[in-house]
Every structure is written in C-alpha cells, then in structure tokens.
Amino acid sequence: MSQNLSQLRKFVSPEIIFGAGCRHNVGNYAKTFGARKVLVVSDPGVIAAGWVADVEASLQAQGIDFFLYSDVSPNPRIEEVMLGAELYRENHCDVIVAIGGGSPMDCGKGIGIVVAHGRNILEFEGVDMLRMPSPPLILIPTTAGTSADVSQFVIISNQQERMKFSIVSKAAVPDVSLIDPETTLSMDPFLSACTGIDALVHAIEAFVSTGHGPLTDPHALEAMRLINGNLVQMIANPSDIALREKIMLGSMQAGLAFSNAILGAVHAMSHSLGGFLDLPHGLCNAVLVEHVVAFNYSSAPERFKMIAETFGIDCRGLNHRQICGRLVNHLIALKHAIGFHETLGLHGVSTSDIPFLSQHAMDDPCILTNPRESSQRDVEVVYGEAL
C-alpha cells in the first residue's frame, strides 16, 4: 500500500550539544572530523566578548591550526561570503567553525556552500538548490534567537539590490551545534530583545505554518511557553544563567520547529524589510508580528487559540474575534515590556516604499507556508498597518 505523501514527515537537525561551557569542546568535535586547519568565522563584537579566544584555545589544545575571518556585517553580505570562501581555499582549511549571532553563522554556512560548489552564493537562492555537501560545519550561537545553528535556512544580504535572499536546503543544516547559554551573557538588552522576539515569532509561525505537523508542534509550543514565560525576566536580570538557559532552550526548540515546518508572512516581510533598510532582523519581526497575526488568525483559529492558551490567556467563553484581540494585545504588551515601541515609519519607511517591499516579500519562500494565502495587495495592506 502506498503511503499518502501528505502524511510523510521528515525532520532534520544537527547533532546538538546543549549546556553551559560546551563551547570549550569545539576542538574535540573538529578533531572527529579530522580537521587539520579550521576557518573560524566570527565578527568584531564576538571577538571583543572573548568567545573567539575560547574557541581558539580549544582548537590549540587539540593541536589544530586555524585562520580567523571576522569581516562579517550584522546582515552578512554576498561579498563577505565570497571573500570567506577564498580565504578558506587559500589557507587550505578543511572544517568551518562559526561563532556568533545569526550573521557569522549564516556567513559560515554560505562559505561552506560556495567552497563545495565553486560558484557565487547568489546562484543558490531558493529551495533545494544545493547539490554538493558542504565541508564539516560546527556552529556556536552567541545569541538566543536566530537558530541558524539548527536550521536549514541561510539568509544573505544583497546590498546592490537592497534585498535579502534565502537559501533553504537540508544540505545547509550544520553538522554540530554547540549551544552554550554562557555565550549569551554578552548580549546587550536591545540584542536580547531582538533575538528573543525573533525566536518567539519562529515558534508562532512554525505552529500555524501549512508545513506544521506532529514532529514540529511540540517544539513550537514548548518554545512559546519558555520564551513568553522568561524573556522579560531575563532582560531585567542579565546575569541570571538559569533564565538564559531557558531562553536558549526555547530558541533552540523554536529553531527545530521552524527549520522543519518553515515560516510565514512575518518572516517573508521581515526579510524584505531587513534587506531594504539593513535593520536588525528581530526588530523587523517585532514591528510586524501582531499585524500578521491579526491578518492570519481567521485561517487557523484553533491553532491561534492554542497559542493564546500557551501564553496564559484565558479563552473560556470567548469567541475567536475576542481571542484574536487578546492575543494581539498580549504580543503588543510583551513587545513594550522588552522595550519595543517601533513602527515602520520611525525607521523611514514611507507609503511609496511598500510596493517594492511587498514584491520582494512575495518572492520569499516563507510566504508559501503562511496559513492564509496572500496576494501582493494583502501584504501591502499589512505593511501599511505597521507604518
């Protein structure tokens, strides 16, 4: 009997090591891949925080040579990926270790793709475009949010076109992810808020995505519970490692959920916005989230009700219109509590930019799994509400 394709589920993830201090084991993992020389990808902020020194010490302890590449912008660019690949080849590297937030991790993933295929990173935009396995890739996230370390997404910025593009492929899932909550101690409150809201949106979008299923739902719900329950306290108590562990765990679970269920309109619109204005990705999500939730609610009311209940909203005796209102208000209140009062207008977006932004959002693969089918006009309306 043939299996109904719609019932088939696959779930991809790297080997995950979770816990305080696990960054110090990076040398052991590089050694198991037979590393002779590692390309370490990072950025100046992560170097200043001291996390790169820990990685270098661990590699040295195993007698492994390395070359550090740290010219990575907050939204990693095509030319930075291409230069990294050139340096990988020039230095005869055989393993990539990226440590940092989403930017160094996406850059490291991009470098692996270019090294494997020998072509420009731009040629791999879209879904399942990768044909060759990348070199061994070990990622160490220093923010609790982007989940590049567990996902099959790579997001790169094309500065010429003022847009971001997505590469989605299970070949982009790293081999090993060392998730060490201690590294998030160097996040400032703004970065903690940006990455925390990003992770929360990952979980929300994965739960209502048309690609959701029994393998992703538990991760998405647990991520929402952990982040909603601990983010405000973590930002208020930045040195509390137990709170950091909870947010880091929530972020990881959100990553496992969205990598496999894919995302929705918040991310499609956020990628377009972040490419256009070169803004932090989490900030873009924060500006858009409640507007997209209100737009999508009627297409997945029972699932949005479960989200509301997970956030601790009492839904007894309420109709869906009322639940939607409470959920939107909860999201706005959470945003305010962590310091977000932004609108698009505050960042210089005008009505005349909306068609350009909407056109690129419609080309983003994340729009395909949004629960409510969206036309460009729909997207324009939602951007307009967020102005």
Protein backbone atom coordinates (compact mmCIF):
# COMPACT_ATOMS: atom_id res chain seq x y z
CA MET A 1 0.00 0.00 0.00
CA SER A 2 1.47 3.36 -0.95
CA GLN A 3 1.89 5.91 1.81
CA ASN A 4 -0.11 9.09 1.29
CA LEU A 5 2.53 11.74 0.64
CA SER A 6 0.78 14.36 2.76
CA GLN A 7 1.26 12.05 5.76
CA LEU A 8 5.02 11.72 5.28
CA ARG A 9 7.13 13.82 7.62
CA LYS A 10 10.84 14.44 7.71
CA PHE A 11 12.72 16.18 10.48
CA VAL A 12 16.26 17.46 10.06
CA SER A 13 18.58 18.68 12.79
CA PRO A 14 22.29 18.77 13.54
CA GLU A 15 23.96 16.90 16.36
CA ILE A 16 23.15 19.19 19.29
CA ILE A 17 25.21 19.65 22.44
CA PHE A 18 23.44 21.89 24.94
CA GLY A 19 24.79 23.27 28.19
CA ALA A 20 26.87 25.90 29.95
CA GLY A 21 30.52 25.72 28.89
CA CYS A 22 30.06 23.38 25.92
CA ARG A 23 31.85 25.90 23.63
CA HIS A 24 35.10 24.64 25.15
CA ASN A 25 34.55 21.24 23.45
CA VAL A 26 34.76 22.62 19.92
CA GLY A 27 38.30 21.23 19.47
CA ASN A 28 37.12 17.66 20.17
CA TYR A 29 34.39 17.94 17.53
CA ALA A 30 36.74 19.47 14.95
CA LYS A 31 39.13 16.60 15.66
CA THR A 32 36.46 13.96 14.99
CA PHE A 33 36.09 15.49 11.52
CA GLY A 34 39.84 15.06 11.02
CA ALA A 35 40.41 18.82 10.95
CA ARG A 36 43.90 20.00 10.13
CA LYS A 37 43.06 23.67 9.69
CA VAL A 38 39.80 25.35 10.69
CA LEU A 39 38.30 28.53 9.24
CA VAL A 40 36.86 30.33 12.27
CA VAL A 41 34.10 32.75 11.21
CA SER A 42 33.02 35.47 13.64
CA ASP A 43 32.61 39.23 13.99
CA PRO A 44 34.34 42.01 15.98
CA GLY A 45 31.72 42.07 18.75
CA VAL A 46 32.06 38.36 19.46
CA ILE A 47 35.86 38.67 19.47
CA ALA A 48 35.61 41.56 21.96
CA ALA A 49 33.34 39.45 24.20
CA GLY A 50 36.10 36.82 24.43
CA TRP A 51 34.19 33.89 22.93
CA VAL A 52 36.50 33.53 19.93
CA ALA A 53 39.52 33.21 22.24
CA ASP A 54 37.78 30.24 23.92
CA VAL A 55 37.31 28.56 20.54
CA GLU A 56 40.92 29.19 19.53
CA ALA A 57 42.20 27.80 22.85
CA SER A 58 40.10 24.65 22.41
CA LEU A 59 41.43 24.12 18.88
CA GLN A 60 45.01 24.72 20.01
CA ALA A 61 44.61 22.20 22.84
CA GLN A 62 43.86 19.58 20.16
CA GLY A 63 46.80 20.73 18.04
CA ILE A 64 44.51 22.08 15.31
CA ASP A 65 45.60 25.09 13.26
CA PHE A 66 43.07 27.83 12.42
CA PHE A 67 42.53 31.01 10.42
CA LEU A 68 40.18 33.71 11.78
CA TYR A 69 37.83 35.53 9.42
CA SER A 70 35.80 38.26 11.12
CA ASP A 71 34.80 40.75 8.40
CA VAL A 72 31.10 39.97 8.80
CA SER A 73 28.39 42.68 8.83
CA PRO A 74 25.28 42.46 11.04
CA ASN A 75 23.38 41.35 7.89
CA PRO A 76 26.02 39.20 6.12
CA ARG A 77 26.68 40.23 2.51
CA ILE A 78 27.38 38.35 -0.70
CA GLU A 79 30.93 39.74 -0.96
CA GLU A 80 31.71 38.73 2.65
CA VAL A 81 30.68 35.14 1.91
CA MET A 82 32.73 35.10 -1.31
CA LEU A 83 35.83 36.51 0.43
CA GLY A 84 35.46 33.95 3.23
CA ALA A 85 35.37 31.11 0.68
CA GLU A 86 38.51 32.49 -0.97
CA LEU A 87 40.32 32.61 2.39
CA TYR A 88 39.14 29.05 3.20
CA ARG A 89 40.76 27.78 -0.02
CA GLU A 90 43.91 29.95 0.24
CA ASN A 91 44.56 28.71 3.77
CA HIS A 92 43.82 25.06 2.89
CA CYS A 93 41.11 24.78 5.56
CA ASP A 94 39.03 21.62 5.86
CA VAL A 95 36.46 22.46 8.59
CA ILE A 96 34.38 25.59 9.30
CA VAL A 97 33.58 26.78 12.83
CA ALA A 98 31.27 29.83 13.05
CA ILE A 99 30.67 31.54 16.37
CA GLY A 100 28.32 34.48 16.84
CA GLY A 101 24.75 35.52 16.17
CA GLY A 102 22.84 34.77 13.01
CA SER A 103 25.23 36.80 10.88
CA PRO A 104 28.53 34.91 11.39
CA MET A 105 26.59 31.61 11.38
CA ASP A 106 24.82 32.39 8.08
CA CYS A 107 28.10 33.64 6.65
CA GLY A 108 29.82 30.39 7.70
CA LYS A 109 27.05 28.34 6.12
CA GLY A 110 27.31 30.41 2.95
CA ILE A 111 31.10 29.94 2.81
CA GLY A 112 30.61 26.16 3.02
CA ILE A 113 28.14 26.24 0.12
CA VAL A 114 30.49 28.31 -2.08
CA VAL A 115 33.51 26.14 -1.24
CA ALA A 116 31.56 22.96 -2.10
CA HIS A 117 30.10 24.22 -5.38
CA GLY A 118 32.72 26.71 -6.57
CA ARG A 119 30.03 29.19 -7.67
CA ASN A 120 28.60 32.51 -6.48
CA ILE A 121 26.34 32.29 -3.43
CA LEU A 122 23.61 34.15 -5.34
CA GLU A 123 23.12 31.11 -7.58
CA PHE A 124 21.67 29.07 -4.71
CA GLU A 125 18.72 31.30 -3.83
CA GLY A 126 15.53 29.32 -3.26
CA VAL A 127 14.57 25.87 -2.02
CA ASP A 128 16.67 22.70 -2.50
CA MET A 129 19.24 24.26 -4.83
CA LEU A 130 22.29 22.66 -3.17
CA ARG A 131 23.87 19.69 -4.95
CA MET A 132 27.12 19.11 -3.05
CA PRO A 133 27.76 18.52 0.66
CA SER A 134 29.48 21.43 2.43
CA PRO A 135 32.67 20.91 4.45
CA PRO A 136 32.09 19.89 8.09
CA LEU A 137 30.33 22.78 9.80
CA ILE A 138 30.29 23.42 13.57
CA LEU A 139 28.20 26.35 14.82
CA ILE A 140 28.23 28.07 18.21
CA PRO A 141 25.39 30.60 18.69
CA THR A 142 26.07 33.58 20.99
CA THR A 143 22.51 34.94 20.83
CA ALA A 144 19.26 33.26 21.86
CA GLY A 145 17.18 33.77 18.77
CA THR A 146 18.18 33.23 15.17
CA SER A 147 18.63 29.43 15.40
CA ALA A 148 20.83 29.43 12.29
CA ASP A 149 22.75 26.75 14.17
CA VAL A 150 19.93 24.19 13.91
CA SER A 151 18.12 25.28 10.75
CA GLN A 152 18.18 24.61 7.02
CA PHE A 153 17.99 28.36 6.29
CA VAL A 154 20.78 30.69 5.14
CA ILE A 155 19.86 34.39 4.84
CA ILE A 156 22.26 36.62 2.89
CA SER A 157 22.02 40.34 2.12
CA ASN A 158 22.36 41.62 -1.44
CA GLN A 159 23.39 45.25 -0.91
CA GLN A 160 23.27 46.12 -4.62
CA GLU A 161 19.58 45.19 -4.83
CA ARG A 162 18.77 46.28 -1.25
CA MET A 163 17.22 42.91 -0.53
CA LYS A 164 17.88 39.71 1.38
CA PHE A 165 17.60 36.27 -0.18
CA SER A 166 17.01 32.87 1.39
CA ILE A 167 18.69 29.56 0.74
CA VAL A 168 16.67 26.66 2.15
CA SER A 169 18.06 23.14 1.96
CA LYS A 170 18.73 20.27 4.30
CA ALA A 171 22.30 20.40 2.97
CA ALA A 172 22.56 23.73 4.85
CA VAL A 173 21.89 22.09 8.25
CA PRO A 174 25.17 22.20 10.21
CA ASP A 175 26.85 19.00 11.39
CA VAL A 176 27.23 20.05 15.03
CA SER A 177 25.64 22.80 17.09
CA LEU A 178 27.26 23.67 20.43
CA ILE A 179 24.57 25.61 22.29
CA ASP A 180 26.17 27.30 25.28
CA PRO A 181 23.93 29.68 27.29
CA GLU A 182 27.02 31.33 28.84
CA THR A 183 27.83 32.95 25.49
CA THR A 184 24.58 34.94 25.62
CA LEU A 185 25.89 36.86 28.66
CA SER A 186 27.49 39.35 26.26
CA MET A 187 24.17 40.33 24.64
CA ASP A 188 23.02 43.87 25.44
CA PRO A 189 19.31 44.38 26.33
CA PHE A 190 18.45 45.50 22.78
CA LEU A 191 20.05 42.42 21.20
CA SER A 192 18.38 40.19 23.84
CA ALA A 193 15.02 41.73 22.92
CA CYS A 194 15.61 41.44 19.15
CA THR A 195 16.71 37.82 19.23
CA GLY A 196 14.10 36.85 21.83
CA ILE A 197 11.26 38.22 19.72
CA ASP A 198 12.73 36.53 16.64
CA ALA A 199 12.66 33.17 18.43
CA LEU A 200 9.09 33.75 19.62
CA VAL A 201 7.99 34.58 16.07
CA HIS A 202 9.76 31.43 14.80
CA ALA A 203 7.63 29.37 17.17
CA ILE A 204 4.35 31.15 16.36
CA GLU A 205 4.87 30.96 12.60
CA ALA A 206 6.01 27.32 12.69
CA PHE A 207 2.93 26.34 14.71
CA VAL A 208 0.46 27.82 12.22
CA SER A 209 2.53 27.10 9.09
CA THR A 210 0.95 24.87 6.45
CA GLY A 211 4.04 22.68 6.90
CA HIS A 212 3.48 22.05 10.61
CA GLY A 213 2.98 18.53 11.91
CA PRO A 214 3.32 16.22 14.90
CA LEU A 215 7.14 16.38 14.78
CA THR A 216 7.26 20.18 14.93
CA ASP A 217 4.24 21.15 17.09
CA PRO A 218 5.67 20.08 20.47
CA HIS A 219 8.87 22.08 19.84
CA ALA A 220 6.91 25.18 18.79
CA LEU A 221 4.58 25.08 21.82
CA GLU A 222 7.40 24.49 24.32
CA ALA A 223 9.42 27.33 22.73
CA MET A 224 6.46 29.71 23.13
CA ARG A 225 5.99 28.65 26.76
CA LEU A 226 9.68 29.14 27.62
CA ILE A 227 10.18 32.45 25.81
CA ASN A 228 6.88 34.04 26.82
CA GLY A 229 7.45 32.97 30.42
CA ASN A 230 11.07 34.08 30.81
CA LEU A 231 12.10 36.75 28.28
CA VAL A 232 11.06 39.84 30.27
CA GLN A 233 12.77 38.50 33.41
CA MET A 234 15.94 37.55 31.52
CA ILE A 235 16.34 41.06 30.10
CA ALA A 236 15.78 42.51 33.59
CA ASN A 237 18.29 40.07 35.18
CA PRO A 238 21.02 39.76 32.55
CA SER A 239 23.44 37.77 34.70
CA ASP A 240 20.96 35.02 35.69
CA ILE A 241 22.32 31.97 33.86
CA ALA A 242 19.24 29.83 34.68
CA LEU A 243 16.99 32.29 32.85
CA ARG A 244 19.46 32.40 29.95
CA GLU A 245 19.33 28.59 29.73
CA LYS A 246 15.54 28.68 29.49
CA ILE A 247 15.57 31.30 26.70
CA MET A 248 18.38 29.48 24.87
CA LEU A 249 16.42 26.21 25.11
CA GLY A 250 13.29 27.98 23.88
CA SER A 251 15.22 29.47 21.00
CA MET A 252 16.62 26.05 20.06
CA GLN A 253 13.17 24.43 20.16
CA ALA A 254 11.77 27.24 18.02
CA GLY A 255 14.61 26.62 15.57
CA LEU A 256 13.89 22.91 15.32
CA ALA A 257 10.22 23.73 14.73
CA PHE A 258 10.64 26.38 12.02
CA SER A 259 13.51 24.64 10.23
CA ASN A 260 11.14 21.74 9.56
CA ALA A 261 7.72 23.45 9.37
CA ILE A 262 9.11 26.59 7.64
CA LEU A 263 7.72 30.04 8.49
CA GLY A 264 5.16 32.58 7.23
CA ALA A 265 4.41 36.16 6.27
CA VAL A 266 6.18 37.82 9.23
CA HIS A 267 9.49 36.39 8.03
CA ALA A 268 8.83 36.96 4.34
CA MET A 269 8.03 40.63 5.07
CA SER A 270 10.85 40.93 7.61
CA HIS A 271 13.48 39.61 5.19
CA SER A 272 12.32 42.15 2.61
CA LEU A 273 12.38 44.96 5.16
CA GLY A 274 15.78 43.99 6.61
CA GLY A 275 17.34 43.91 3.15
CA PHE A 276 15.82 47.29 2.26
CA LEU A 277 16.86 49.19 5.41
CA ASP A 278 19.69 46.98 6.75
CA LEU A 279 17.89 46.78 10.12
CA PRO A 280 18.24 44.05 12.79
CA HIS A 281 16.06 41.10 11.80
CA GLY A 282 14.41 40.80 15.23
CA LEU A 283 13.41 44.46 15.11
CA CYS A 284 11.70 43.89 11.74
CA ASN A 285 9.81 40.92 13.21
CA ALA A 286 8.75 42.96 16.24
CA VAL A 287 7.28 45.74 14.09
CA LEU A 288 5.24 43.28 12.01
CA VAL A 289 4.21 40.41 14.28
CA GLU A 290 0.82 41.50 15.68
CA HIS A 291 -0.32 42.83 12.28
CA VAL A 292 0.41 39.48 10.61
CA VAL A 293 -1.21 37.52 13.47
CA ALA A 294 -4.39 39.60 13.07
CA PHE A 295 -4.30 39.02 9.30
CA ASN A 296 -3.75 35.24 9.64
CA TYR A 297 -6.00 34.46 12.63
CA SER A 298 -9.14 33.50 10.69
CA SER A 299 -7.20 30.96 8.59
CA ALA A 300 -6.06 28.91 11.61
CA PRO A 301 -8.35 29.94 14.50
CA GLU A 302 -8.00 26.74 16.57
CA ARG A 303 -4.21 26.85 16.35
CA PHE A 304 -4.07 30.54 17.26
CA LYS A 305 -6.34 29.75 20.20
CA MET A 306 -3.77 27.16 21.37
CA ILE A 307 -1.06 29.82 21.06
CA ALA A 308 -3.16 32.21 23.18
CA GLU A 309 -3.64 29.50 25.82
CA THR A 310 0.09 28.72 25.79
CA PHE A 311 0.70 32.42 26.54
CA GLY A 312 -1.58 32.07 29.56
CA ILE A 313 -4.56 33.91 28.05
CA ASP A 314 -7.89 32.67 29.49
CA CYS A 315 -10.00 31.89 26.42
CA ARG A 316 -13.04 30.38 28.19
CA GLY A 317 -16.31 31.75 26.87
CA LEU A 318 -14.63 33.93 24.25
CA ASN A 319 -15.32 33.86 20.54
CA HIS A 320 -12.47 33.89 18.06
CA ARG A 321 -12.69 37.62 17.39
CA GLN A 322 -12.20 38.26 21.12
CA ILE A 323 -9.36 35.72 21.38
CA CYS A 324 -7.63 37.34 18.41
CA GLY A 325 -7.92 40.74 20.13
CA ARG A 326 -6.43 39.41 23.37
CA LEU A 327 -3.61 37.63 21.56
CA VAL A 328 -2.70 40.80 19.62
CA ASN A 329 -2.79 42.85 22.85
CA HIS A 330 -0.62 40.28 24.62
CA LEU A 331 2.00 40.48 21.86
CA ILE A 332 1.98 44.29 21.95
CA ALA A 333 2.31 44.29 25.77
CA LEU A 334 5.22 41.82 25.59
CA LYS A 335 6.94 43.99 22.98
CA HIS A 336 6.52 47.08 25.16
CA ALA A 337 7.81 45.21 28.22
CA ILE A 338 11.09 44.41 26.42
CA GLY A 339 11.45 47.92 25.03
CA PHE A 340 9.98 47.83 21.51
CA HIS A 341 7.76 50.78 20.57
CA GLU A 342 8.81 50.89 16.93
CA THR A 343 6.76 51.44 13.81
CA LEU A 344 7.99 51.22 10.23
CA GLY A 345 7.51 54.97 9.85
CA LEU A 346 10.02 55.61 12.65
CA HIS A 347 12.64 53.85 10.53
CA GLY A 348 11.97 55.93 7.46
CA VAL A 349 9.64 53.60 5.55
CA SER A 350 7.07 55.57 3.56
CA THR A 351 3.93 54.52 1.69
CA SER A 352 5.84 54.76 -1.58
CA ASP A 353 8.27 52.00 -0.44
CA ILE A 354 5.51 49.48 0.23
CA PRO A 355 5.10 48.11 -3.33
CA PHE A 356 8.86 47.37 -3.56
CA LEU A 357 8.87 45.72 -0.13
CA SER A 358 5.73 43.71 -0.91
CA GLN A 359 7.02 42.48 -4.24
CA HIS A 360 10.14 41.05 -2.60
CA ALA A 361 8.14 39.57 0.30
CA MET A 362 6.01 37.71 -2.29
CA ASP A 363 9.22 36.16 -3.71
CA ASP A 364 10.38 34.88 -0.31
CA PRO A 365 9.92 31.11 0.23
CA CYS A 366 8.45 31.78 3.71
CA ILE A 367 5.27 33.23 2.16
CA LEU A 368 4.44 29.80 0.67
CA THR A 369 3.71 28.23 4.07
CA ASN A 370 1.78 31.17 5.54
CA PRO A 371 -1.61 29.83 6.77
CA ARG A 372 -3.57 32.47 4.88
CA GLU A 373 -2.95 32.69 1.17
CA SER A 374 -1.67 36.18 0.48
CA SER A 375 -1.71 38.34 -2.60
CA GLN A 376 0.72 41.24 -3.03
CA ARG A 377 -2.18 43.55 -2.19
CA ASP A 378 -2.69 41.72 1.15
CA VAL A 379 0.98 42.17 2.00
CA GLU A 380 0.81 45.86 1.08
CA VAL A 381 -2.13 46.34 3.46
CA VAL A 382 -0.27 44.68 6.35
CA TYR A 383 2.86 46.78 5.74
CA GLY A 384 0.57 49.81 5.69
CA GLU A 385 -0.87 48.90 9.10
CA ALA A 386 2.67 48.65 10.52
CA LEU A 387 3.71 52.11 9.28
